[in-house]
């Protein structure tokens, strides 16, 4: 006995894929930036310098004295002369009290008092430079600066994004097919 036979005939399916790639375009506009720098405040104060020249002592050496100075010196000299005169008179009185001691006090006093004293005349035409007093106070500079911060205004812009999504298209190029046939064996004539 013969068994029928199955005959299978298959055709594979074919799929076609068509893809469109995604597209991404980005653009970043520059931000708007505004900067303003206010000027700093500056205050300057100057204390002027001071020069003092005192030449009083130099003029006094040239005998060009102020009248008050001359009066003061004359009064001082008069006081000294009076004190010397009192001392001399007291000393001469003491000598006369001791007249009993040997000697001739009256003649010696007369001789002493009649002698001429030499007067020193001297003129100094050039006083020394150390007699001129110079004092200088330098000027002072005071600078006060108040800085100011810059004013910054920034306005950012969002990026411009253009996106096109990708696409995949699936097509059936060939459908699958399966044919199954049954083949019966042919009966052979009996022998």
N, C-alpha and C. Protein backbone atom coordinates (compact mmCIF):
# COMPACT_ATOMS: atom_id res chain seq x y z
N UNK A 1 0.82 -1.15 0.00
CA UNK A 1 0.00 0.00 0.00
C UNK A 1 0.87 1.23 0.00
N UNK A 2 0.46 2.12 -0.73
CA UNK A 2 1.24 3.35 -0.85
C UNK A 2 0.52 4.45 -0.11
N UNK A 3 1.37 5.27 0.55
CA UNK A 3 0.80 6.35 1.35
C UNK A 3 0.81 7.62 0.50
N UNK A 4 -0.24 8.38 0.63
CA UNK A 4 -0.22 9.61 -0.15
C UNK A 4 0.92 10.54 0.34
N UNK A 5 1.36 11.26 -0.49
CA UNK A 5 2.50 12.13 -0.19
C UNK A 5 2.02 13.58 -0.15
N UNK A 6 2.61 14.29 0.78
CA UNK A 6 2.28 15.72 0.87
C UNK A 6 3.37 16.50 0.15
N UNK A 7 2.96 17.37 -0.67
CA UNK A 7 3.93 18.22 -1.38
C UNK A 7 3.64 19.66 -0.92
N UNK A 8 4.68 20.21 -0.34
CA UNK A 8 4.53 21.58 0.16
C UNK A 8 5.39 22.51 -0.70
N UNK A 9 4.79 23.54 -1.11
CA UNK A 9 5.50 24.53 -1.90
C UNK A 9 5.30 25.86 -1.18
N UNK A 10 6.42 26.46 -0.73
CA UNK A 10 6.28 27.70 0.04
C UNK A 10 7.04 28.82 -0.65
N UNK A 11 6.53 29.99 -0.49
CA UNK A 11 7.19 31.21 -0.99
C UNK A 11 7.35 32.11 0.24
N UNK A 12 8.59 32.49 0.45
CA UNK A 12 8.83 33.34 1.62
C UNK A 12 8.31 34.74 1.36
N UNK A 13 7.85 35.36 2.46
CA UNK A 13 7.40 36.74 2.35
C UNK A 13 8.59 37.69 2.34
N UNK A 14 8.45 38.80 1.65
CA UNK A 14 9.52 39.80 1.60
C UNK A 14 8.94 41.12 2.07
N UNK A 15 9.70 41.71 2.98
CA UNK A 15 9.28 43.01 3.52
C UNK A 15 10.25 44.06 3.00
N UNK A 16 9.73 45.17 2.58
CA UNK A 16 10.57 46.30 2.16
C UNK A 16 10.46 47.41 3.20
N UNK A 17 11.60 47.92 3.66
CA UNK A 17 11.62 49.02 4.63
C UNK A 17 12.13 50.27 3.94
N UNK A 18 11.39 51.33 4.03
CA UNK A 18 11.82 52.63 3.53
C UNK A 18 11.94 53.55 4.74
N UNK A 19 13.16 54.06 4.98
CA UNK A 19 13.36 54.91 6.17
C UNK A 19 13.68 56.33 5.73
N UNK A 20 13.15 57.25 6.47
CA UNK A 20 13.49 58.67 6.33
C UNK A 20 14.20 59.05 7.63
N UNK A 21 15.48 59.45 7.57
CA UNK A 21 16.18 59.75 8.82
C UNK A 21 15.61 61.01 9.49
N UNK A 22 15.75 61.04 10.79
CA UNK A 22 15.30 62.20 11.56
C UNK A 22 16.22 63.38 11.26
N UNK A 23 15.69 64.59 11.38
CA UNK A 23 16.49 65.79 11.12
C UNK A 23 16.37 66.72 12.32
N UNK A 24 17.53 67.20 12.79
CA UNK A 24 17.56 68.10 13.94
C UNK A 24 18.41 69.31 13.57
N UNK A 25 17.80 70.48 13.64
CA UNK A 25 18.52 71.72 13.33
C UNK A 25 18.35 72.64 14.54
N UNK A 26 19.50 73.07 15.07
CA UNK A 26 19.46 73.95 16.25
C UNK A 26 20.21 75.24 15.93
N UNK A 27 19.63 76.35 16.36
CA UNK A 27 20.27 77.65 16.18
C UNK A 27 20.15 78.41 17.50
N UNK A 28 21.27 78.97 17.94
CA UNK A 28 21.27 79.70 19.21
C UNK A 28 21.49 81.19 18.92
N UNK A 29 20.43 81.99 18.99
CA UNK A 29 20.62 83.44 18.79
C UNK A 29 21.42 84.01 19.96
N UNK A 30 22.24 85.00 19.66
CA UNK A 30 23.05 85.61 20.72
C UNK A 30 22.14 86.38 21.68
N UNK A 31 22.56 86.38 22.95
CA UNK A 31 21.80 87.11 23.97
C UNK A 31 22.03 88.61 23.77
N UNK A 32 21.04 89.40 24.19
CA UNK A 32 21.20 90.86 24.17
C UNK A 32 21.88 91.25 25.48
N UNK A 33 23.02 91.92 25.36
CA UNK A 33 23.81 92.29 26.53
C UNK A 33 24.04 93.79 26.51
N UNK A 34 23.66 94.42 27.62
CA UNK A 34 23.84 95.87 27.73
C UNK A 34 24.62 96.14 29.01
N UNK A 35 25.77 96.78 28.88
CA UNK A 35 26.62 97.07 30.04
C UNK A 35 26.80 98.58 30.15
N UNK A 36 26.54 99.09 31.34
CA UNK A 36 26.73 100.52 31.60
C UNK A 36 27.64 100.65 32.81
N UNK A 37 28.69 101.43 32.67
CA UNK A 37 29.64 101.63 33.77
C UNK A 37 29.52 103.06 34.26
N UNK A 38 28.83 103.25 35.41
CA UNK A 38 28.77 104.62 35.96
C UNK A 38 30.17 105.06 36.42
N UNK A 39 30.43 106.32 36.28
CA UNK A 39 31.74 106.85 36.69
C UNK A 39 31.87 106.79 38.20
N UNK A 40 33.09 106.52 38.64
CA UNK A 40 33.37 106.50 40.08
C UNK A 40 33.38 107.94 40.59
N UNK A 41 33.07 108.09 41.88
CA UNK A 41 33.13 109.41 42.49
C UNK A 41 34.50 109.59 43.11
N UNK A 42 35.11 110.72 42.79
CA UNK A 42 36.44 110.98 43.32
C UNK A 42 36.46 112.37 43.95
N UNK A 43 36.90 112.41 45.21
CA UNK A 43 37.04 113.68 45.92
C UNK A 43 38.51 113.89 46.24
N UNK A 44 39.01 115.05 45.87
CA UNK A 44 40.41 115.38 46.14
C UNK A 44 40.43 116.65 46.99
N UNK A 45 41.10 116.57 48.13
CA UNK A 45 41.28 117.77 48.95
C UNK A 45 42.77 117.95 49.20
N UNK A 46 43.19 119.21 49.09
CA UNK A 46 44.60 119.53 49.23
C UNK A 46 44.76 120.53 50.37
N UNK A 47 45.63 120.19 51.31
CA UNK A 47 46.03 121.14 52.34
C UNK A 47 47.32 121.79 51.84
N UNK A 48 47.30 123.11 51.61
CA UNK A 48 48.50 123.71 51.02
C UNK A 48 49.70 123.65 51.96
N UNK A 49 50.86 123.61 51.35
CA UNK A 49 52.10 123.61 52.13
C UNK A 49 52.32 124.98 52.78
N UNK A 50 53.15 124.99 53.82
CA UNK A 50 53.40 126.25 54.54
C UNK A 50 54.90 126.40 54.73
N UNK A 51 55.42 127.53 54.27
CA UNK A 51 56.84 127.84 54.41
C UNK A 51 56.97 129.05 55.33
N UNK A 52 57.71 128.87 56.43
CA UNK A 52 57.94 129.95 57.39
C UNK A 52 59.44 130.24 57.43
N UNK A 53 59.79 131.50 57.19
CA UNK A 53 61.19 131.92 57.26
C UNK A 53 61.30 132.97 58.36
N UNK A 54 62.08 132.68 59.38
CA UNK A 54 62.30 133.61 60.50
C UNK A 54 63.75 134.08 60.44
N UNK A 55 63.93 135.35 60.05
CA UNK A 55 65.28 135.90 59.94
C UNK A 55 65.54 136.96 60.99
N UNK A 56 64.76 136.92 62.06
CA UNK A 56 64.92 137.91 63.13
C UNK A 56 66.33 137.88 63.70
N UNK A 57 66.83 136.70 63.99
CA UNK A 57 68.16 136.58 64.60
C UNK A 57 69.25 137.07 63.65
N UNK A 58 69.09 136.83 62.36
CA UNK A 58 70.08 137.31 61.39
C UNK A 58 70.09 138.84 61.35
N UNK A 59 68.88 139.46 61.39
CA UNK A 59 68.82 140.92 61.41
C UNK A 59 69.42 141.47 62.70
N UNK A 60 69.21 140.76 63.80
CA UNK A 60 69.78 141.23 65.07
C UNK A 60 71.30 141.20 65.04
N UNK A 61 71.87 140.21 64.34
CA UNK A 61 73.33 140.18 64.21
C UNK A 61 73.84 141.35 63.40
N UNK A 62 73.03 141.88 62.50
CA UNK A 62 73.41 143.06 61.72
C UNK A 62 73.04 144.35 62.45
N UNK A 63 72.57 144.22 63.69
CA UNK A 63 72.17 145.34 64.54
C UNK A 63 70.98 146.09 63.95
N UNK A 64 70.12 145.36 63.29
CA UNK A 64 68.86 145.94 62.80
C UNK A 64 67.74 145.31 63.60
N UNK A 65 67.63 145.81 64.81
CA UNK A 65 66.69 145.21 65.75
C UNK A 65 65.40 146.01 65.79
N UNK A 66 64.37 145.32 66.20
CA UNK A 66 63.07 145.97 66.40
C UNK A 66 63.17 146.88 67.62
N UNK A 67 62.38 147.93 67.64
CA UNK A 67 62.47 148.91 68.73
C UNK A 67 62.16 148.26 70.07
N UNK A 68 61.23 147.32 70.12
CA UNK A 68 60.92 146.66 71.39
C UNK A 68 62.11 145.85 71.88
N UNK A 69 62.83 145.24 70.96
CA UNK A 69 64.01 144.46 71.32
C UNK A 69 65.10 145.40 71.86
N UNK A 70 65.26 146.57 71.22
CA UNK A 70 66.26 147.54 71.69
C UNK A 70 65.90 148.04 73.09
N UNK A 71 64.62 148.30 73.34
CA UNK A 71 64.19 148.77 74.67
C UNK A 71 64.48 147.69 75.70
N UNK A 72 64.16 146.43 75.35
CA UNK A 72 64.40 145.33 76.29
C UNK A 72 65.89 145.19 76.60
N UNK A 73 66.74 145.27 75.56
CA UNK A 73 68.19 145.15 75.78
C UNK A 73 68.72 146.33 76.59
N UNK A 74 68.21 147.55 76.32
CA UNK A 74 68.67 148.73 77.08
C UNK A 74 68.27 148.62 78.54
N UNK A 75 67.06 148.13 78.79
CA UNK A 75 66.62 147.96 80.18
C UNK A 75 67.48 146.92 80.88
N UNK A 76 67.79 145.83 80.19
CA UNK A 76 68.63 144.78 80.77
C UNK A 76 70.04 145.32 81.05
N UNK A 77 70.58 146.06 80.08
CA UNK A 77 71.93 146.63 80.26
C UNK A 77 71.92 147.65 81.40
N UNK A 78 70.87 148.46 81.50
CA UNK A 78 70.77 149.44 82.60
C UNK A 78 70.72 148.74 83.94
N UNK A 79 69.96 147.65 84.01
CA UNK A 79 69.87 146.90 85.27
C UNK A 79 71.24 146.33 85.65
N UNK A 80 71.95 145.76 84.65
CA UNK A 80 73.28 145.21 84.93
C UNK A 80 74.25 146.31 85.37
N UNK A 81 74.19 147.49 84.71
CA UNK A 81 75.08 148.60 85.07
C UNK A 81 74.78 149.10 86.48
N UNK A 82 73.52 149.18 86.85
CA UNK A 82 73.15 149.62 88.21
C UNK A 82 73.69 148.63 89.23
N UNK A 83 73.53 147.31 88.93
CA UNK A 83 74.00 146.30 89.88
C UNK A 83 75.53 146.35 90.00
N UNK A 84 76.23 146.57 88.87
CA UNK A 84 77.69 146.71 88.92
C UNK A 84 78.08 147.96 89.71
N UNK A 85 77.34 149.05 89.50
CA UNK A 85 77.64 150.30 90.25
C UNK A 85 77.45 150.12 91.74
N UNK A 86 76.37 149.41 92.12
CA UNK A 86 76.13 149.16 93.55
C UNK A 86 77.24 148.30 94.11
N UNK A 87 77.64 147.27 93.37
CA UNK A 87 78.71 146.39 93.85
C UNK A 87 80.03 147.16 93.97
N UNK A 88 80.32 148.04 92.97
CA UNK A 88 81.56 148.81 93.01
C UNK A 88 81.55 149.80 94.18
N UNK A 89 80.42 150.44 94.40
CA UNK A 89 80.31 151.40 95.51
C UNK A 89 80.48 150.70 96.84
N UNK A 90 79.87 149.51 96.97
CA UNK A 90 80.01 148.75 98.22
C UNK A 90 81.46 148.34 98.43
N UNK A 91 82.11 147.91 97.34
CA UNK A 91 83.52 147.50 97.45
C UNK A 91 84.41 148.69 97.82
N UNK A 92 84.15 149.85 97.17
CA UNK A 92 84.95 151.04 97.50
C UNK A 92 84.70 151.48 98.94
N UNK A 93 83.45 151.34 99.39
CA UNK A 93 83.13 151.69 100.80
C UNK A 93 83.88 150.79 101.76
N UNK A 94 83.97 149.49 101.39
CA UNK A 94 84.72 148.56 102.25
C UNK A 94 86.20 148.94 102.29
N UNK A 95 86.74 149.38 101.13
CA UNK A 95 88.16 149.78 101.10
C UNK A 95 88.39 151.02 101.99
N UNK A 96 87.43 151.96 101.94
CA UNK A 96 87.58 153.16 102.77
C UNK A 96 87.42 152.84 104.25
N UNK A 97 86.61 151.84 104.58
CA UNK A 97 86.46 151.45 105.99
C UNK A 97 87.77 150.90 106.53
N UNK A 98 88.55 150.29 105.64
CA UNK A 98 89.80 149.71 106.10
C UNK A 98 90.97 150.66 105.79
N UNK A 99 90.75 151.93 105.91
CA UNK A 99 91.77 152.91 105.61
C UNK A 99 92.94 152.82 106.58
N UNK A 100 92.63 152.25 107.78
CA UNK A 100 93.70 152.11 108.76
C UNK A 100 94.75 151.12 108.30
N UNK A 101 94.34 150.20 107.40
CA UNK A 101 95.34 149.28 106.83
C UNK A 101 96.21 150.09 105.88
N UNK A 102 97.38 149.65 105.70
CA UNK A 102 98.30 150.43 104.88
C UNK A 102 97.76 150.54 103.48
N UNK A 103 98.08 151.56 102.83
CA UNK A 103 97.69 151.79 101.47
C UNK A 103 96.97 153.13 101.35
N UNK A 104 96.70 153.50 100.14
CA UNK A 104 96.02 154.75 99.87
C UNK A 104 94.79 154.44 99.03
N UNK A 105 93.65 154.09 99.66
CA UNK A 105 92.48 153.67 98.90
C UNK A 105 91.88 154.79 98.06
N UNK A 106 91.95 156.02 98.50
CA UNK A 106 91.33 157.11 97.74
C UNK A 106 92.06 157.29 96.41
N UNK A 107 93.40 157.27 96.42
CA UNK A 107 94.16 157.45 95.18
C UNK A 107 93.96 156.27 94.23
N UNK A 108 93.95 155.05 94.77
CA UNK A 108 93.76 153.88 93.88
C UNK A 108 92.36 153.87 93.28
N UNK A 109 91.36 154.30 94.04
CA UNK A 109 90.00 154.36 93.49
C UNK A 109 89.89 155.43 92.41
N UNK A 110 90.57 156.58 92.65
CA UNK A 110 90.54 157.66 91.66
C UNK A 110 91.22 157.21 90.37
N UNK A 111 92.32 156.47 90.49
CA UNK A 111 93.02 155.98 89.31
C UNK A 111 92.13 154.99 88.54
N UNK A 112 91.50 154.07 89.26
CA UNK A 112 90.64 153.06 88.62
C UNK A 112 89.46 153.72 87.90
N UNK A 113 88.86 154.68 88.53
CA UNK A 113 87.67 155.30 87.96
C UNK A 113 87.99 156.25 86.81
N UNK A 114 89.24 156.70 86.71
CA UNK A 114 89.60 157.64 85.65
C UNK A 114 90.11 156.94 84.39
N UNK A 115 90.35 155.65 84.45
CA UNK A 115 90.84 154.93 83.28
C UNK A 115 89.73 154.82 82.23
N UNK A 116 90.14 154.97 80.99
CA UNK A 116 89.17 154.86 79.89
C UNK A 116 89.03 153.39 79.50
N UNK A 117 87.83 152.97 79.39
CA UNK A 117 87.56 151.59 78.94
C UNK A 117 87.48 151.59 77.42
N UNK A 118 88.13 150.64 76.84
CA UNK A 118 88.09 150.56 75.39
C UNK A 118 86.76 149.95 74.95
N UNK A 119 86.18 150.59 73.97
CA UNK A 119 84.90 150.11 73.44
C UNK A 119 85.20 149.31 72.17
N UNK A 120 84.65 148.16 72.12
CA UNK A 120 84.86 147.29 70.95
C UNK A 120 83.83 147.68 69.89
N UNK A 121 84.36 148.08 68.77
CA UNK A 121 83.48 148.35 67.64
C UNK A 121 83.68 147.23 66.63
N UNK A 122 82.67 146.60 66.32
CA UNK A 122 82.77 145.54 65.33
C UNK A 122 81.44 145.41 64.62
N UNK A 123 81.52 145.40 63.35
CA UNK A 123 80.29 145.22 62.60
C UNK A 123 80.39 143.93 61.82
N UNK A 124 79.35 143.20 61.91
CA UNK A 124 79.29 141.91 61.23
C UNK A 124 78.36 142.09 60.04
N UNK A 125 78.94 142.00 58.85
CA UNK A 125 78.13 142.26 57.67
C UNK A 125 77.45 141.02 57.11
N UNK A 126 77.87 139.88 57.53
CA UNK A 126 77.28 138.65 56.97
C UNK A 126 76.91 137.72 58.11
N UNK A 127 75.64 137.68 58.48
CA UNK A 127 75.25 136.73 59.53
C UNK A 127 75.36 135.30 59.00
N UNK A 128 75.55 134.39 59.91
CA UNK A 128 75.65 132.99 59.48
C UNK A 128 74.28 132.49 59.04
N UNK A 129 74.32 131.55 58.12
CA UNK A 129 73.06 131.03 57.57
C UNK A 129 72.25 130.25 58.60
N UNK A 130 72.92 129.79 59.65
CA UNK A 130 72.19 129.03 60.67
C UNK A 130 71.26 129.93 61.48
N UNK A 131 71.43 131.26 61.35
CA UNK A 131 70.57 132.20 62.08
C UNK A 131 69.21 132.37 61.41
N UNK A 132 69.12 131.99 60.15
CA UNK A 132 67.84 132.06 59.45
C UNK A 132 67.12 130.74 59.68
N UNK A 133 65.96 130.82 60.30
CA UNK A 133 65.20 129.60 60.63
C UNK A 133 64.14 129.38 59.56
N UNK A 134 64.24 128.22 58.94
CA UNK A 134 63.30 127.87 57.87
C UNK A 134 62.52 126.65 58.32
N UNK A 135 61.22 126.77 58.24
CA UNK A 135 60.35 125.63 58.60
C UNK A 135 59.36 125.44 57.47
N UNK A 136 59.27 124.19 57.02
CA UNK A 136 58.37 123.89 55.90
C UNK A 136 57.46 122.74 56.28
N UNK A 137 56.19 122.96 56.12
CA UNK A 137 55.19 121.90 56.32
C UNK A 137 54.68 121.54 54.93
N UNK A 138 54.95 120.30 54.47
CA UNK A 138 54.53 119.96 53.10
C UNK A 138 53.01 119.89 52.98
N UNK A 139 52.56 120.09 51.77
CA UNK A 139 51.12 119.99 51.53
C UNK A 139 50.69 118.53 51.62
N UNK A 140 49.43 118.36 51.93
CA UNK A 140 48.88 117.01 52.05
C UNK A 140 47.76 116.84 51.04
N UNK A 141 47.78 115.70 50.40
CA UNK A 141 46.78 115.39 49.39
C UNK A 141 45.94 114.23 49.89
N UNK A 142 44.63 114.42 49.90
CA UNK A 142 43.71 113.37 50.35
C UNK A 142 42.79 113.04 49.18
N UNK A 143 42.84 111.79 48.74
CA UNK A 143 42.01 111.34 47.62
C UNK A 143 41.06 110.27 48.12
N UNK A 144 39.77 110.50 47.95
CA UNK A 144 38.73 109.54 48.33
C UNK A 144 38.04 109.09 47.05
N UNK A 145 38.04 107.78 46.80
CA UNK A 145 37.41 107.24 45.60
C UNK A 145 36.29 106.29 46.01
N UNK A 146 35.11 106.52 45.46
CA UNK A 146 33.97 105.63 45.68
C UNK A 146 33.67 104.94 44.35
N UNK A 147 34.03 103.66 44.24
CA UNK A 147 33.78 102.98 42.96
C UNK A 147 32.28 102.68 42.78
N UNK A 148 31.87 102.57 41.54
CA UNK A 148 30.49 102.21 41.22
C UNK A 148 30.50 100.89 40.46
N UNK A 149 29.58 100.01 40.81
CA UNK A 149 29.49 98.72 40.12
C UNK A 149 28.86 98.91 38.74
N UNK A 150 29.27 98.10 37.78
CA UNK A 150 28.65 98.20 36.45
C UNK A 150 27.21 97.68 36.49
N UNK A 151 26.38 98.27 35.63
CA UNK A 151 24.99 97.83 35.50
C UNK A 151 24.94 96.93 34.26
N UNK A 152 24.65 95.66 34.48
CA UNK A 152 24.64 94.68 33.38
C UNK A 152 23.22 94.15 33.21
N UNK A 153 22.70 94.29 31.99
CA UNK A 153 21.38 93.74 31.68
C UNK A 153 21.57 92.74 30.54
N UNK A 154 21.25 91.51 30.85
CA UNK A 154 21.39 90.45 29.85
C UNK A 154 20.02 89.83 29.59
N UNK A 155 19.67 89.70 28.32
CA UNK A 155 18.41 89.06 27.95
C UNK A 155 18.74 87.87 27.06
N UNK A 156 18.65 86.67 27.64
CA UNK A 156 18.98 85.49 26.83
C UNK A 156 17.83 85.14 25.88
N UNK A 157 18.18 84.50 24.78
CA UNK A 157 17.17 84.03 23.83
C UNK A 157 17.20 82.51 23.81
N UNK A 158 16.00 81.94 23.74
CA UNK A 158 15.92 80.47 23.71
C UNK A 158 16.44 79.97 22.37
N UNK A 159 17.01 78.79 22.38
CA UNK A 159 17.48 78.25 21.11
C UNK A 159 16.30 77.89 20.20
N UNK A 160 16.54 78.02 18.90
CA UNK A 160 15.52 77.65 17.91
C UNK A 160 15.84 76.22 17.47
N UNK A 161 14.89 75.33 17.77
CA UNK A 161 15.09 73.91 17.47
C UNK A 161 14.05 73.48 16.45
N UNK A 162 14.53 72.96 15.34
CA UNK A 162 13.64 72.39 14.32
C UNK A 162 13.94 70.90 14.25
N UNK A 163 12.91 70.11 14.57
CA UNK A 163 13.09 68.66 14.60
C UNK A 163 12.05 68.02 13.70
N UNK A 164 12.52 67.23 12.78
CA UNK A 164 11.62 66.44 11.94
C UNK A 164 11.88 64.99 12.32
N UNK A 165 10.84 64.30 12.85
CA UNK A 165 11.10 62.94 13.28
C UNK A 165 11.32 62.02 12.07
N UNK A 166 12.07 61.00 12.30
CA UNK A 166 12.31 60.01 11.25
C UNK A 166 11.05 59.17 11.02
N UNK A 167 11.05 58.47 9.89
CA UNK A 167 9.88 57.66 9.55
C UNK A 167 10.36 56.35 8.95
N UNK A 168 9.67 55.30 9.31
CA UNK A 168 9.96 53.98 8.74
C UNK A 168 8.66 53.48 8.10
N UNK A 169 8.74 53.21 6.78
CA UNK A 169 7.56 52.71 6.07
C UNK A 169 7.83 51.25 5.72
N UNK A 170 6.90 50.44 6.13
CA UNK A 170 7.06 49.00 5.89
C UNK A 170 6.10 48.61 4.76
N UNK A 171 6.65 48.03 3.71
CA UNK A 171 5.84 47.55 2.58
C UNK A 171 6.02 46.04 2.46
N UNK A 172 4.95 45.40 2.08
CA UNK A 172 5.01 43.96 1.83
C UNK A 172 5.32 43.78 0.37
N UNK A 173 6.56 43.42 0.07
CA UNK A 173 6.96 43.26 -1.32
C UNK A 173 6.46 41.92 -1.89
N UNK A 174 6.43 40.96 -1.05
CA UNK A 174 5.95 39.64 -1.50
C UNK A 174 5.29 38.98 -0.32
N UNK A 175 4.08 38.58 -0.55
CA UNK A 175 3.36 37.93 0.53
C UNK A 175 3.82 36.48 0.63
N UNK A 176 3.84 35.95 1.80
CA UNK A 176 4.23 34.54 1.92
C UNK A 176 3.09 33.64 1.37
N UNK A 177 3.53 32.55 0.92
CA UNK A 177 2.52 31.63 0.36
C UNK A 177 2.95 30.21 0.66
N UNK A 178 1.99 29.43 1.02
CA UNK A 178 2.27 28.02 1.32
C UNK A 178 1.17 27.19 0.63
N UNK A 179 1.61 26.37 -0.27
CA UNK A 179 0.68 25.46 -0.95
C UNK A 179 1.00 24.04 -0.52
N UNK A 180 -0.01 23.37 -0.10
CA UNK A 180 0.16 21.97 0.29
C UNK A 180 -0.73 21.13 -0.65
N UNK A 181 -0.07 20.27 -1.30
CA UNK A 181 -0.80 19.36 -2.20
C UNK A 181 -0.65 17.95 -1.67
N UNK A 182 -1.69 17.22 -1.87
CA UNK A 182 -1.63 15.80 -1.50
C UNK A 182 -1.57 15.03 -2.82
N UNK A 183 -0.60 14.27 -2.89
CA UNK A 183 -0.45 13.46 -4.11
C UNK A 183 -0.73 12.00 -3.74
N UNK A 184 -1.69 11.58 -4.39
CA UNK A 184 -2.04 10.18 -4.14
C UNK A 184 -1.26 9.33 -5.11
N UNK A 185 -0.84 8.30 -4.65
CA UNK A 185 -0.09 7.46 -5.58
C UNK A 185 -1.06 6.84 -6.61
N UNK A 186 -0.55 6.68 -7.69
CA UNK A 186 -1.37 6.08 -8.74
C UNK A 186 -1.39 4.58 -8.51
N UNK A 187 -2.53 4.12 -8.69
CA UNK A 187 -2.63 2.68 -8.48
C UNK A 187 -2.06 1.98 -9.68
N UNK A 188 -1.30 1.08 -9.40
CA UNK A 188 -0.72 0.34 -10.50
C UNK A 188 -1.60 -0.90 -10.76
N UNK A 189 -1.69 -1.33 -11.95
CA UNK A 189 -2.48 -2.52 -12.25
C UNK A 189 -1.87 -3.75 -11.60
N UNK A 190 -2.66 -4.55 -11.25
CA UNK A 190 -2.18 -5.72 -10.54
C UNK A 190 -1.52 -6.67 -11.48
N UNK A 191 -0.65 -7.20 -11.04
CA UNK A 191 0.11 -8.10 -11.88
C UNK A 191 -0.41 -9.45 -11.76
